[in-house]
Amino acid sequence: MKQGLHPENYRPVVFKDMSNEDTFITRSTINAKETIEIDGVTYPLVKIEISSTSHPFYTGKQKLVDTAGRVDKFLSRYGNRNKK
């Protein structure tokens, strides 16, 4: 295996699912602009739109997450193809 391929600066980071406010802590090298305090410890905060706690595949619930009008644009183009 090649040396120096993997980063060395892994640290605990909080990822926050913005659709259901769920948070989880994992190790990552991602740069974060915000911080959050959990149990008296300050962690870097990364906000995400969807995670395993809100994804329809894992939850079994269908939920549309539209952040930039993509769903409406798709439905306006292709939504009426089966209706006659």
PDB file of N, CA and C in Angstrom:
ATOM      1  N   MET A   1       0.846  -1.174   0.000  1.00  0.00           N
ATOM      2  CA  MET A   1       0.000   0.000   0.000  1.00  0.00           C
ATOM      3  C   MET A   1       0.893   1.239   0.000  1.00  0.00           C
ATOM      4  N   LYS A   2       0.493   2.263  -0.728  1.00  0.00           N
ATOM      5  CA  LYS A   2       1.275   3.496  -0.806  1.00  0.00           C
ATOM      6  C   LYS A   2       1.222   4.253   0.520  1.00  0.00           C
ATOM      7  N   GLN A   3       2.327   4.829   0.879  1.00  0.00           N
ATOM      8  CA  GLN A   3       2.409   5.623   2.097  1.00  0.00           C
ATOM      9  C   GLN A   3       1.934   7.046   1.823  1.00  0.00           C
ATOM     10  N   GLY A   4       1.340   7.690   2.820  1.00  0.00           N
ATOM     11  CA  GLY A   4       0.924   9.085   2.707  1.00  0.00           C
ATOM     12  C   GLY A   4      -0.327   9.309   1.884  1.00  0.00           C
ATOM     13  N   LEU A   5      -1.086   8.255   1.616  1.00  0.00           N
ATOM     14  CA  LEU A   5      -2.296   8.380   0.810  1.00  0.00           C
ATOM     15  C   LEU A   5      -3.484   8.877   1.629  1.00  0.00           C
ATOM     16  N   HIS A   6      -3.586   8.418   2.840  1.00  0.00           N
ATOM     17  CA  HIS A   6      -4.740   8.746   3.671  1.00  0.00           C
ATOM     18  C   HIS A   6      -4.414   9.909   4.592  1.00  0.00           C
ATOM     19  N   PRO A   7      -5.403  10.791   4.830  1.00  0.00           N
ATOM     20  CA  PRO A   7      -5.154  11.924   5.730  1.00  0.00           C
ATOM     21  C   PRO A   7      -4.947  11.468   7.167  1.00  0.00           C
ATOM     22  N   GLU A   8      -4.242  12.284   7.913  1.00  0.00           N
ATOM     23  CA  GLU A   8      -3.923  11.957   9.309  1.00  0.00           C
ATOM     24  C   GLU A   8      -4.756  12.765  10.306  1.00  0.00           C
ATOM     25  N   ASN A   9      -5.517  13.735   9.831  1.00  0.00           N
ATOM     26  CA  ASN A   9      -6.190  14.669  10.738  1.00  0.00           C
ATOM     27  C   ASN A   9      -7.660  14.304  10.988  1.00  0.00           C
ATOM     28  N   TYR A  10      -7.953  13.044  11.254  1.00  0.00           N
ATOM     29  CA  TYR A  10      -9.313  12.652  11.624  1.00  0.00           C
ATOM     30  C   TYR A  10      -9.625  13.171  13.017  1.00  0.00           C
ATOM     31  N   ARG A  11     -10.855  13.662  13.189  1.00  0.00           N
ATOM     32  CA  ARG A  11     -11.295  14.195  14.471  1.00  0.00           C
ATOM     33  C   ARG A  11     -12.807  13.983  14.593  1.00  0.00           C
ATOM     34  N   PRO A  12     -13.374  14.017  15.793  1.00  0.00           N
ATOM     35  CA  PRO A  12     -14.832  13.886  15.932  1.00  0.00           C
ATOM     36  C   PRO A  12     -15.544  15.091  15.323  1.00  0.00           C
ATOM     37  N   VAL A  13     -16.573  14.828  14.540  1.00  0.00           N
ATOM     38  CA  VAL A  13     -17.369  15.864  13.876  1.00  0.00           C
ATOM     39  C   VAL A  13     -18.833  15.505  14.055  1.00  0.00           C
ATOM     40  N   VAL A  14     -19.688  16.517  14.265  1.00  0.00           N
ATOM     41  CA  VAL A  14     -21.125  16.308  14.383  1.00  0.00           C
ATOM     42  C   VAL A  14     -21.769  16.568  13.030  1.00  0.00           C
ATOM     43  N   PHE A  15     -22.556  15.612  12.554  1.00  0.00           N
ATOM     44  CA  PHE A  15     -23.362  15.777  11.351  1.00  0.00           C
ATOM     45  C   PHE A  15     -24.806  15.937  11.802  1.00  0.00           C
ATOM     46  N   LYS A  16     -25.475  16.973  11.289  1.00  0.00           N
ATOM     47  CA  LYS A  16     -26.856  17.258  11.692  1.00  0.00           C
ATOM     48  C   LYS A  16     -27.762  17.182  10.473  1.00  0.00           C
ATOM     49  N   ASP A  17     -28.747  16.292  10.542  1.00  0.00           N
ATOM     50  CA  ASP A  17     -29.738  16.137   9.480  1.00  0.00           C
ATOM     51  C   ASP A  17     -30.754  17.265   9.634  1.00  0.00           C
ATOM     52  N   MET A  18     -30.837  18.150   8.659  1.00  0.00           N
ATOM     53  CA  MET A  18     -31.691  19.323   8.773  1.00  0.00           C
ATOM     54  C   MET A  18     -33.168  19.002   8.570  1.00  0.00           C
ATOM     55  N   SER A  19     -33.510  17.847   8.012  1.00  0.00           N
ATOM     56  CA  SER A  19     -34.914  17.527   7.797  1.00  0.00           C
ATOM     57  C   SER A  19     -35.595  17.011   9.053  1.00  0.00           C
ATOM     58  N   ASN A  20     -34.837  16.392   9.972  1.00  0.00           N
ATOM     59  CA  ASN A  20     -35.463  15.906  11.209  1.00  0.00           C
ATOM     60  C   ASN A  20     -34.670  16.262  12.467  1.00  0.00           C
ATOM     61  N   GLU A  21     -33.656  17.127  12.325  1.00  0.00           N
ATOM     62  CA  GLU A  21     -32.862  17.637  13.453  1.00  0.00           C
ATOM     63  C   GLU A  21     -32.084  16.551  14.187  1.00  0.00           C
ATOM     64  N   ASP A  22     -31.879  15.389  13.581  1.00  0.00           N
ATOM     65  CA  ASP A  22     -31.113  14.314  14.202  1.00  0.00           C
ATOM     66  C   ASP A  22     -29.625  14.606  14.057  1.00  0.00           C
ATOM     67  N   THR A  23     -28.847  14.337  15.101  1.00  0.00           N
ATOM     68  CA  THR A  23     -27.406  14.566  15.057  1.00  0.00           C
ATOM     69  C   THR A  23     -26.673  13.276  15.377  1.00  0.00           C
ATOM     70  N   PHE A  24     -25.495  13.123  14.797  1.00  0.00           N
ATOM     71  CA  PHE A  24     -24.641  12.000  15.143  1.00  0.00           C
ATOM     72  C   PHE A  24     -23.188  12.428  15.033  1.00  0.00           C
ATOM     73  N   ILE A  25     -22.354  11.823  15.860  1.00  0.00           N
ATOM     74  CA  ILE A  25     -20.942  12.159  15.928  1.00  0.00           C
ATOM     75  C   ILE A  25     -20.149  11.024  15.294  1.00  0.00           C
ATOM     76  N   THR A  26     -19.250  11.396  14.409  1.00  0.00           N
ATOM     77  CA  THR A  26     -18.369  10.429  13.775  1.00  0.00           C
ATOM     78  C   THR A  26     -17.032  11.090  13.507  1.00  0.00           C
ATOM     79  N   ARG A  27     -16.047  10.310  13.140  1.00  0.00           N
ATOM     80  CA  ARG A  27     -14.732  10.868  12.834  1.00  0.00           C
ATOM     81  C   ARG A  27     -14.674  11.240  11.359  1.00  0.00           C
ATOM     82  N   SER A  28     -14.107  12.418  11.074  1.00  0.00           N
ATOM     83  CA  SER A  28     -14.028  12.894   9.703  1.00  0.00           C
ATOM     84  C   SER A  28     -12.898  13.907   9.567  1.00  0.00           C
ATOM     85  N   THR A  29     -12.529  14.195   8.328  1.00  0.00           N
ATOM     86  CA  THR A  29     -11.531  15.225   8.035  1.00  0.00           C
ATOM     87  C   THR A  29     -12.179  16.441   7.390  1.00  0.00           C
ATOM     88  N   ILE A  30     -13.500  16.462   7.276  1.00  0.00           N
ATOM     89  CA  ILE A  30     -14.215  17.534   6.588  1.00  0.00           C
ATOM     90  C   ILE A  30     -14.017  18.867   7.315  1.00  0.00           C
ATOM     91  N   ASN A  31     -13.904  19.935   6.527  1.00  0.00           N
ATOM     92  CA  ASN A  31     -13.795  21.274   7.107  1.00  0.00           C
ATOM     93  C   ASN A  31     -15.191  21.786   7.439  1.00  0.00           C
ATOM     94  N   ALA A  32     -15.355  22.351   8.610  1.00  0.00           N
ATOM     95  CA  ALA A  32     -16.648  22.855   9.052  1.00  0.00           C
ATOM     96  C   ALA A  32     -16.509  24.310   9.468  1.00  0.00           C
ATOM     97  N   LYS A  33     -17.512  25.118   9.118  1.00  0.00           N
ATOM     98  CA  LYS A  33     -17.501  26.539   9.457  1.00  0.00           C
ATOM     99  C   LYS A  33     -18.188  26.812  10.789  1.00  0.00           C
ATOM    100  N   GLU A  34     -19.082  25.903  11.196  1.00  0.00           N
ATOM    101  CA  GLU A  34     -19.843  26.111  12.427  1.00  0.00           C
ATOM    102  C   GLU A  34     -19.418  25.088  13.478  1.00  0.00           C
ATOM    103  N   THR A  35     -19.774  25.384  14.732  1.00  0.00           N
ATOM    104  CA  THR A  35     -19.515  24.459  15.829  1.00  0.00           C
ATOM    105  C   THR A  35     -20.801  24.261  16.623  1.00  0.00           C
ATOM    106  N   ILE A  36     -20.833  23.185  17.392  1.00  0.00           N
ATOM    107  CA  ILE A  36     -21.971  22.889  18.244  1.00  0.00           C
ATOM    108  C   ILE A  36     -21.430  22.274  19.532  1.00  0.00           C
ATOM    109  N   GLU A  37     -22.135  22.542  20.625  1.00  0.00           N
ATOM    110  CA  GLU A  37     -21.725  21.983  21.908  1.00  0.00           C
ATOM    111  C   GLU A  37     -22.674  20.865  22.295  1.00  0.00           C
ATOM    112  N   ILE A  38     -22.103  19.693  22.546  1.00  0.00           N
ATOM    113  CA  ILE A  38     -22.876  18.525  22.965  1.00  0.00           C
ATOM    114  C   ILE A  38     -22.211  17.957  24.211  1.00  0.00           C
ATOM    115  N   ASP A  39     -22.964  17.862  25.282  1.00  0.00           N
ATOM    116  CA  ASP A  39     -22.471  17.336  26.575  1.00  0.00           C
ATOM    117  C   ASP A  39     -21.226  18.071  27.055  1.00  0.00           C
ATOM    118  N   GLY A  40     -21.185  19.377  26.834  1.00  0.00           N
ATOM    119  CA  GLY A  40     -20.069  20.183  27.314  1.00  0.00           C
ATOM    120  C   GLY A  40     -18.838  20.165  26.431  1.00  0.00           C
ATOM    121  N   VAL A  41     -18.894  19.479  25.306  1.00  0.00           N
ATOM    122  CA  VAL A  41     -17.759  19.404  24.379  1.00  0.00           C
ATOM    123  C   VAL A  41     -18.142  20.102  23.081  1.00  0.00           C
ATOM    124  N   THR A  42     -17.259  20.941  22.558  1.00  0.00           N
ATOM    125  CA  THR A  42     -17.508  21.658  21.315  1.00  0.00           C
ATOM    126  C   THR A  42     -16.948  20.867  20.146  1.00  0.00           C
ATOM    127  N   TYR A  43     -17.814  20.619  19.158  1.00  0.00           N
ATOM    128  CA  TYR A  43     -17.442  19.865  17.963  1.00  0.00           C
ATOM    129  C   TYR A  43     -17.674  20.719  16.718  1.00  0.00           C
ATOM    130  N   PRO A  44     -16.950  20.457  15.631  1.00  0.00           N
ATOM    131  CA  PRO A  44     -17.296  21.076  14.352  1.00  0.00           C
ATOM    132  C   PRO A  44     -18.651  20.526  13.891  1.00  0.00           C
ATOM    133  N   LEU A  45     -19.464  21.373  13.249  1.00  0.00           N
ATOM    134  CA  LEU A  45     -20.816  20.998  12.824  1.00  0.00           C
ATOM    135  C   LEU A  45     -20.909  21.037  11.307  1.00  0.00           C
ATOM    136  N   VAL A  46     -21.428  19.940  10.736  1.00  0.00           N
ATOM    137  CA  VAL A  46     -21.689  19.863   9.303  1.00  0.00           C
ATOM    138  C   VAL A  46     -23.179  19.590   9.139  1.00  0.00           C
ATOM    139  N   LYS A  47     -23.882  20.469   8.431  1.00  0.00           N
ATOM    140  CA  LYS A  47     -25.317  20.314   8.208  1.00  0.00           C
ATOM    141  C   LYS A  47     -25.537  19.569   6.896  1.00  0.00           C
ATOM    142  N   ILE A  48     -26.382  18.527   6.962  1.00  0.00           N
ATOM    143  CA  ILE A  48     -26.696  17.745   5.778  1.00  0.00           C
ATOM    144  C   ILE A  48     -28.203  17.728   5.572  1.00  0.00           C
ATOM    145  N   GLU A  49     -28.642  17.513   4.340  1.00  0.00           N
ATOM    146  CA  GLU A  49     -30.070  17.554   4.031  1.00  0.00           C
ATOM    147  C   GLU A  49     -30.761  16.220   4.257  1.00  0.00           C
ATOM    148  N   ILE A  50     -30.020  15.127   4.110  1.00  0.00           N
ATOM    149  CA  ILE A  50     -30.640  13.819   4.255  1.00  0.00           C
ATOM    150  C   ILE A  50     -29.606  12.844   4.817  1.00  0.00           C
ATOM    151  N   SER A  51     -30.049  11.963   5.681  1.00  0.00           N
ATOM    152  CA  SER A  51     -29.167  10.950   6.267  1.00  0.00           C
ATOM    153  C   SER A  51     -29.946   9.644   6.354  1.00  0.00           C
ATOM    154  N   SER A  52     -29.359   8.651   6.970  1.00  0.00           N
ATOM    155  CA  SER A  52     -30.040   7.361   7.097  1.00  0.00           C
ATOM    156  C   SER A  52     -31.279   7.450   7.984  1.00  0.00           C
ATOM    157  N   THR A  53     -31.366   8.477   8.830  1.00  0.00           N
ATOM    158  CA  THR A  53     -32.550   8.612   9.692  1.00  0.00           C
ATOM    159  C   THR A  53     -33.721   9.284   8.987  1.00  0.00           C
ATOM    160  N   SER A  54     -33.479   9.874   7.805  1.00  0.00           N
ATOM    161  CA  SER A  54     -34.572  10.522   7.090  1.00  0.00           C
ATOM    162  C   SER A  54     -34.713  10.028   5.650  1.00  0.00           C
ATOM    163  N   HIS A  55     -33.818   9.165   5.179  1.00  0.00           N
ATOM    164  CA  HIS A  55     -33.883   8.674   3.800  1.00  0.00           C
ATOM    165  C   HIS A  55     -35.010   7.653   3.665  1.00  0.00           C
ATOM    166  N   PRO A  56     -35.836   7.763   2.616  1.00  0.00           N
ATOM    167  CA  PRO A  56     -36.978   6.848   2.456  1.00  0.00           C
ATOM    168  C   PRO A  56     -36.580   5.372   2.388  1.00  0.00           C
ATOM    169  N   PHE A  57     -35.414   5.056   1.869  1.00  0.00           N
ATOM    170  CA  PHE A  57     -34.992   3.658   1.793  1.00  0.00           C
ATOM    171  C   PHE A  57     -34.854   3.047   3.188  1.00  0.00           C
ATOM    172  N   TYR A  58     -34.326   3.800   4.128  1.00  0.00           N
ATOM    173  CA  TYR A  58     -34.097   3.286   5.483  1.00  0.00           C
ATOM    174  C   TYR A  58     -35.320   3.431   6.377  1.00  0.00           C
ATOM    175  N   THR A  59     -36.124   4.455   6.154  1.00  0.00           N
ATOM    176  CA  THR A  59     -37.272   4.690   7.028  1.00  0.00           C
ATOM    177  C   THR A  59     -38.542   4.007   6.541  1.00  0.00           C
ATOM    178  N   GLY A  60     -38.629   3.717   5.248  1.00  0.00           N
ATOM    179  CA  GLY A  60     -39.832   3.117   4.689  1.00  0.00           C
ATOM    180  C   GLY A  60     -40.931   4.129   4.431  1.00  0.00           C
ATOM    181  N   LYS A  61     -40.663   5.394   4.637  1.00  0.00           N
ATOM    182  CA  LYS A  61     -41.644   6.459   4.421  1.00  0.00           C
ATOM    183  C   LYS A  61     -41.201   7.303   3.236  1.00  0.00           C
ATOM    184  N   GLN A  62     -42.140   7.604   2.359  1.00  0.00           N
ATOM    185  CA  GLN A  62     -41.828   8.441   1.207  1.00  0.00           C
ATOM    186  C   GLN A  62     -41.937   9.903   1.620  1.00  0.00           C
ATOM    187  N   LYS A  63     -40.897  10.664   1.361  1.00  0.00           N
ATOM    188  CA  LYS A  63     -40.877  12.077   1.723  1.00  0.00           C
ATOM    189  C   LYS A  63     -40.099  12.827   0.656  1.00  0.00           C
ATOM    190  N   LEU A  64     -40.676  13.886   0.132  1.00  0.00           N
ATOM    191  CA  LEU A  64     -39.998  14.680  -0.881  1.00  0.00           C
ATOM    192  C   LEU A  64     -39.169  15.762  -0.212  1.00  0.00           C
ATOM    193  N   VAL A  65     -37.896  15.808  -0.546  1.00  0.00           N
ATOM    194  CA  VAL A  65     -37.010  16.852  -0.061  1.00  0.00           C
ATOM    195  C   VAL A  65     -36.613  17.665  -1.276  1.00  0.00           C
ATOM    196  N   ASP A  66     -37.105  18.887  -1.356  1.00  0.00           N
ATOM    197  CA  ASP A  66     -36.863  19.722  -2.524  1.00  0.00           C
ATOM    198  C   ASP A  66     -36.157  20.991  -2.070  1.00  0.00           C
ATOM    199  N   THR A  67     -34.902  21.118  -2.435  1.00  0.00           N
ATOM    200  CA  THR A  67     -34.140  22.276  -1.989  1.00  0.00           C
ATOM    201  C   THR A  67     -33.974  23.329  -3.063  1.00  0.00           C
ATOM    202  N   ALA A  68     -34.114  22.953  -4.309  1.00  0.00           N
ATOM    203  CA  ALA A  68     -33.880  23.933  -5.375  1.00  0.00           C
ATOM    204  C   ALA A  68     -34.943  23.852  -6.457  1.00  0.00           C
ATOM    205  N   GLY A  69     -36.127  23.339  -6.141  1.00  0.00           N
ATOM    206  CA  GLY A  69     -37.196  23.259  -7.131  1.00  0.00           C
ATOM    207  C   GLY A  69     -37.009  22.134  -8.129  1.00  0.00           C
ATOM    208  N   ARG A  70     -36.131  21.196  -7.851  1.00  0.00           N
ATOM    209  CA  ARG A  70     -35.843  20.114  -8.795  1.00  0.00           C
ATOM    210  C   ARG A  70     -37.031  19.184  -8.969  1.00  0.00           C
ATOM    211  N   VAL A  71     -37.753  18.910  -7.883  1.00  0.00           N
ATOM    212  CA  VAL A  71     -38.899  18.012  -7.973  1.00  0.00           C
ATOM    213  C   VAL A  71     -39.986  18.643  -8.825  1.00  0.00           C
ATOM    214  N   ASP A  72     -40.280  19.917  -8.607  1.00  0.00           N
ATOM    215  CA  ASP A  72     -41.294  20.601  -9.405  1.00  0.00           C
ATOM    216  C   ASP A  72     -40.904  20.655 -10.872  1.00  0.00           C
ATOM    217  N   LYS A  73     -39.653  20.890 -11.138  1.00  0.00           N
ATOM    218  CA  LYS A  73     -39.168  20.949 -12.516  1.00  0.00           C
ATOM    219  C   LYS A  73     -39.319  19.582 -13.192  1.00  0.00           C
ATOM    220  N   PHE A  74     -38.987  18.514 -12.470  1.00  0.00           N
ATOM    221  CA  PHE A  74     -39.132  17.169 -13.014  1.00  0.00           C
ATOM    222  C   PHE A  74     -40.600  16.847 -13.284  1.00  0.00           C
ATOM    223  N   LEU A  75     -41.468  17.145 -12.310  1.00  0.00           N
ATOM    224  CA  LEU A  75     -42.886  16.846 -12.480  1.00  0.00           C
ATOM    225  C   LEU A  75     -43.508  17.647 -13.609  1.00  0.00           C
ATOM    226  N   SER A  76     -43.073  18.885 -13.806  1.00  0.00           N
ATOM    227  CA  SER A  76     -43.624  19.675 -14.905  1.00  0.00           C
ATOM    228  C   SER A  76     -43.184  19.126 -16.256  1.00  0.00           C
ATOM    229  N   ARG A  77     -42.027  18.521 -16.318  1.00  0.00           N
ATOM    230  CA  ARG A  77     -41.543  17.945 -17.585  1.00  0.00           C
ATOM    231  C   ARG A  77     -42.106  16.558 -17.835  1.00  0.00           C
ATOM    232  N   TYR A  78     -42.043  15.688 -16.827  1.00  0.00           N
ATOM    233  CA  TYR A  78     -42.330  14.277 -17.035  1.00  0.00           C
ATOM    234  C   TYR A  78     -43.509  13.739 -16.232  1.00  0.00           C
ATOM    235  N   GLY A  79     -44.117  14.545 -15.404  1.00  0.00           N
ATOM    236  CA  GLY A  79     -45.157  14.064 -14.509  1.00  0.00           C
ATOM    237  C   GLY A  79     -46.444  13.661 -15.176  1.00  0.00           C
ATOM    238  N   ASN A  80     -46.786  14.220 -16.325  1.00  0.00           N
ATOM    239  CA  ASN A  80     -48.072  13.965 -16.966  1.00  0.00           C
ATOM    240  C   ASN A  80     -47.972  12.990 -18.134  1.00  0.00           C
ATOM    241  N   ARG A  81     -46.921  12.216 -18.241  1.00  0.00           N
ATOM    242  CA  ARG A  81     -46.729  11.310 -19.368  1.00  0.00           C
ATOM    243  C   ARG A  81     -47.706  10.140 -19.348  1.00  0.00           C
ATOM    244  N   ASN A  82     -48.071   9.644 -18.188  1.00  0.00           N
ATOM    245  CA  ASN A  82     -48.951   8.477 -18.111  1.00  0.00           C
ATOM    246  C   ASN A  82     -50.431   8.855 -18.112  1.00  0.00           C
ATOM    247  N   LYS A  83     -50.748  10.109 -17.954  1.00  0.00           N
ATOM    248  CA  LYS A  83     -52.144  10.557 -17.926  1.00  0.00           C
ATOM    249  C   LYS A  83     -52.605  10.845 -19.347  1.00  0.00           C
ATOM    250  N   LYS A  84     -53.764  10.302 -19.722  1.00  0.00           N
ATOM    251  CA  LYS A  84     -54.349  10.565 -21.060  1.00  0.00           C
ATOM    252  C   LYS A  84     -55.826  10.734 -20.972  1.00  0.00           C
TER     253      LYS A  84
END
